[in-house]
Protein backbone atom coordinates (compact mmCIF):
# COMPACT_ATOMS: atom_id res chain seq x y z
CA UNK A 1 -13.61 -17.97 10.16
CA UNK A 2 -15.62 -15.69 8.29
CA UNK A 3 -15.50 -11.69 7.85
CA UNK A 4 -18.85 -10.07 6.49
CA UNK A 5 -18.64 -6.56 4.97
CA UNK A 6 -21.66 -4.87 4.00
CA UNK A 7 -21.51 -1.90 1.08
CA UNK A 8 -24.76 -0.58 0.19
CA UNK A 9 -27.24 -3.24 -0.36
CA UNK A 10 -24.40 -5.57 -1.43
CA UNK A 11 -22.93 -8.19 1.05
CA UNK A 12 -19.18 -9.65 0.86
CA UNK A 13 -17.64 -12.20 2.77
CA UNK A 14 -14.07 -13.41 3.47
CA UNK A 15 -13.54 -16.89 4.64
CA UNK A 16 -10.09 -18.14 5.94
CA UNK A 17 -8.48 -21.37 6.82
CA UNK A 18 -11.33 -23.45 5.28
CA UNK A 19 -10.62 -27.03 4.40
CA UNK A 20 -10.94 -27.47 0.42
CA UNK A 21 -14.72 -29.24 0.94
CA UNK A 22 -15.93 -26.70 3.34
CA UNK A 23 -14.63 -23.73 1.30
CA UNK A 24 -16.56 -25.49 -1.76
CA UNK A 25 -19.39 -25.71 0.41
CA UNK A 26 -19.20 -22.13 1.43
CA UNK A 27 -18.74 -20.76 -2.04
CA UNK A 28 -21.75 -22.63 -3.24
CA UNK A 29 -24.07 -21.57 -0.23
CA UNK A 30 -22.60 -17.74 -0.69
CA UNK A 31 -23.27 -17.77 -4.25
CA UNK A 32 -27.21 -19.01 -3.91
CA UNK A 33 -27.75 -16.23 -1.70
CA UNK A 34 -26.18 -13.71 -3.75
CA UNK A 35 -23.43 -12.90 -1.28
CA UNK A 36 -20.02 -12.51 -2.92
CA UNK A 37 -16.71 -14.25 -1.46
CA UNK A 38 -13.95 -11.77 -2.06
CA UNK A 39 -11.14 -13.54 -0.65
CA UNK A 40 -9.68 -16.53 1.01
CA UNK A 41 -7.04 -16.36 3.84
CA UNK A 42 -4.71 -18.74 4.72
CA UNK A 43 -1.13 -19.84 5.87
CA UNK A 44 0.96 -20.02 2.65
CA UNK A 45 4.71 -20.04 2.22
CA UNK A 46 7.71 -21.81 0.75
CA UNK A 47 7.58 -24.41 3.72
CA UNK A 48 3.82 -24.71 3.91
CA UNK A 49 2.28 -25.33 0.67
CA UNK A 50 -1.03 -27.08 1.58
CA UNK A 51 -3.22 -24.21 -0.35
CA UNK A 52 -1.05 -25.28 -3.44
CA UNK A 53 -1.07 -28.88 -3.06
CA UNK A 54 -4.97 -29.32 -1.73
CA UNK A 55 -6.29 -27.10 -4.93
CA UNK A 56 -7.29 -24.27 -2.44
CA UNK A 57 -5.32 -21.69 -4.53
CA UNK A 58 -7.01 -22.60 -7.89
CA UNK A 59 -10.71 -22.92 -6.05
CA UNK A 60 -10.50 -19.35 -4.76
CA UNK A 61 -9.69 -18.39 -8.21
CA UNK A 62 -12.38 -20.49 -10.20
CA UNK A 63 -14.60 -18.77 -7.79
CA UNK A 64 -14.05 -15.39 -8.38
CA UNK A 65 -12.07 -14.82 -5.05
CA UNK A 66 -9.01 -13.54 -4.06
CA UNK A 67 -6.34 -15.68 -1.98
CA UNK A 68 -4.48 -13.57 0.92
CA UNK A 69 -1.27 -15.42 2.38
CA UNK A 70 -0.47 -15.08 5.81
CA UNK A 71 2.74 -15.99 7.31
CA UNK A 72 4.55 -16.01 4.01
CA UNK A 73 7.70 -15.52 6.01
CA UNK A 74 7.08 -18.51 7.85
CA UNK A 75 7.06 -16.51 11.56
CA UNK A 76 10.94 -15.25 10.41
CA UNK A 77 12.14 -18.79 9.33
CA UNK A 78 12.27 -17.59 5.48
CA UNK A 79 14.43 -14.73 6.34
CA UNK A 80 18.15 -14.17 7.42
CA UNK A 81 17.51 -14.06 11.11
CA UNK A 82 18.50 -17.39 11.82
CA UNK A 83 20.99 -18.21 9.26
CA UNK A 84 23.92 -18.31 11.77
CA UNK A 85 21.90 -19.26 15.42
CA UNK A 86 19.19 -18.10 17.24
CA UNK A 87 19.54 -14.13 18.34
CA UNK A 88 18.62 -13.67 21.97
CA UNK A 89 15.86 -10.94 20.78
CA UNK A 90 14.23 -13.29 18.22
CA UNK A 91 10.73 -15.08 18.56
CA UNK A 92 12.51 -18.21 19.12
CA UNK A 93 14.54 -16.92 21.95
CA UNK A 94 11.24 -15.10 23.59
CA UNK A 95 9.57 -18.49 23.43
CA UNK A 96 6.47 -17.15 21.21
CA UNK A 97 4.74 -18.80 18.45
CA UNK A 98 7.78 -19.96 16.87
CA UNK A 99 9.31 -22.68 19.27
CA UNK A 100 13.24 -23.72 19.02
CA UNK A 101 12.20 -27.19 18.01
CA UNK A 102 11.21 -25.65 14.63
CA UNK A 103 14.38 -24.80 13.86
CA UNK A 104 15.97 -28.34 13.24
CA UNK A 105 19.12 -29.07 11.41
CA UNK A 106 17.32 -30.09 8.42
CA UNK A 107 15.13 -26.82 8.22
CA UNK A 108 18.46 -24.76 8.56
CA UNK A 109 19.90 -26.75 5.61
CA UNK A 110 17.13 -25.55 3.59
CA UNK A 111 17.16 -22.12 4.82
CA UNK A 112 20.81 -21.83 4.16
CA UNK A 113 20.14 -23.51 0.48
CA UNK A 114 17.26 -21.11 -0.49
CA UNK A 115 19.37 -18.18 0.81
CA UNK A 116 21.82 -19.08 -1.84
CA UNK A 117 19.22 -18.85 -4.52
CA UNK A 118 18.08 -15.68 -3.31
CA UNK A 119 21.58 -14.18 -3.14
CA UNK A 120 21.92 -15.53 -6.81
CA UNK A 121 18.77 -13.66 -7.62
CA UNK A 122 20.03 -10.54 -6.27
CA UNK A 123 17.44 -10.71 -3.27
CA UNK A 124 17.40 -11.29 0.46
CA UNK A 125 15.87 -14.38 1.54
CA UNK A 126 12.85 -12.72 2.64
CA UNK A 127 12.51 -10.77 -0.64
CA UNK A 128 12.73 -14.27 -2.49
CA UNK A 129 10.25 -15.89 -0.21
CA UNK A 130 7.64 -12.88 -0.75
CA UNK A 131 8.39 -12.93 -4.25
CA UNK A 132 7.73 -16.83 -4.44
CA UNK A 133 4.14 -16.36 -2.88
CA UNK A 134 3.08 -13.47 -5.26
CA UNK A 135 4.86 -15.20 -8.47
CA UNK A 136 1.51 -15.84 -10.13
CA UNK A 137 -2.08 -14.86 -9.99
CA UNK A 138 -3.24 -17.46 -7.59
CA UNK A 139 -2.14 -14.93 -4.70
CA UNK A 140 -3.75 -11.63 -4.52
CA UNK A 141 -1.56 -10.46 -1.49
CA UNK A 142 0.27 -11.28 1.29
CA UNK A 143 0.09 -10.29 5.03
CA UNK A 144 3.57 -9.19 6.28
CA UNK A 145 4.24 -8.39 9.99
CA UNK A 146 6.82 -5.50 9.63
CA UNK A 147 8.28 -4.23 13.13
CA UNK A 148 9.62 -1.50 11.71
CA UNK A 149 9.65 0.75 8.25
CA UNK A 150 13.12 -0.21 7.18
CA UNK A 151 11.60 -3.74 7.46
CA UNK A 152 8.62 -2.72 5.62
CA UNK A 153 10.51 -1.32 2.81
CA UNK A 154 12.77 -4.23 2.48
CA UNK A 155 9.42 -6.29 2.39
CA UNK A 156 8.19 -4.01 -0.51
CA UNK A 157 11.42 -4.94 -2.53
CA UNK A 158 10.05 -8.21 -3.02
CA UNK A 159 7.46 -7.06 -5.97
CA UNK A 160 10.33 -5.64 -8.03
CA UNK A 161 11.35 -9.11 -9.12
CA UNK A 162 8.33 -11.96 -8.83
CA UNK A 163 9.38 -13.90 -11.97
CA UNK A 164 11.29 -17.21 -11.45
CA UNK A 165 12.88 -19.38 -14.33
CA UNK A 166 11.68 -23.06 -14.62
CA UNK A 167 15.42 -23.71 -13.37
CA UNK A 168 14.82 -21.79 -9.91
CA UNK A 169 11.63 -23.37 -9.23
CA UNK A 170 12.99 -26.34 -9.70
CA UNK A 171 16.24 -26.01 -7.45
CA UNK A 172 13.60 -24.56 -4.81
CA UNK A 173 11.63 -27.76 -5.04
CA UNK A 174 14.84 -29.70 -4.72
CA UNK A 175 16.15 -27.66 -1.52
CA UNK A 176 12.63 -28.35 -0.19
CA UNK A 177 12.13 -31.78 -0.35
């Protein structure tokens, strides 16, 4: 996917969900035509670390582009929503994109472990999950889907504490193995 924005005589482009090799081609192609790639958008969260593992975050930075993470809360799995079962009004119960099969015993165990770390940090699980995505300069922004002003206010609390100790990061990585 490509988004194109024209501002005066300058042309800016955003790319989305390109594999690393195709993104490299796109960055080069655009640069040769004096078109600026402002951002790369991709799915990135504690459960989906492909942009990090595949070098896409670093590649965006090296090409002067920002990275915008979408689905930073893994469609609600990285919140307190499913800690005690599946609520009747939840995405899983309604049968949307998030399927019941996604909430395995193993995933629930990880969610509960991450929730404990979040509590130790004085954050909700959602706040910590968003803070983790924003922990360094490789991610420019996140796209959050808030269904209420209160939920948006809770999400904004995440930017108050985006620093993680090396011990916290190590424990998080152990939980996610």
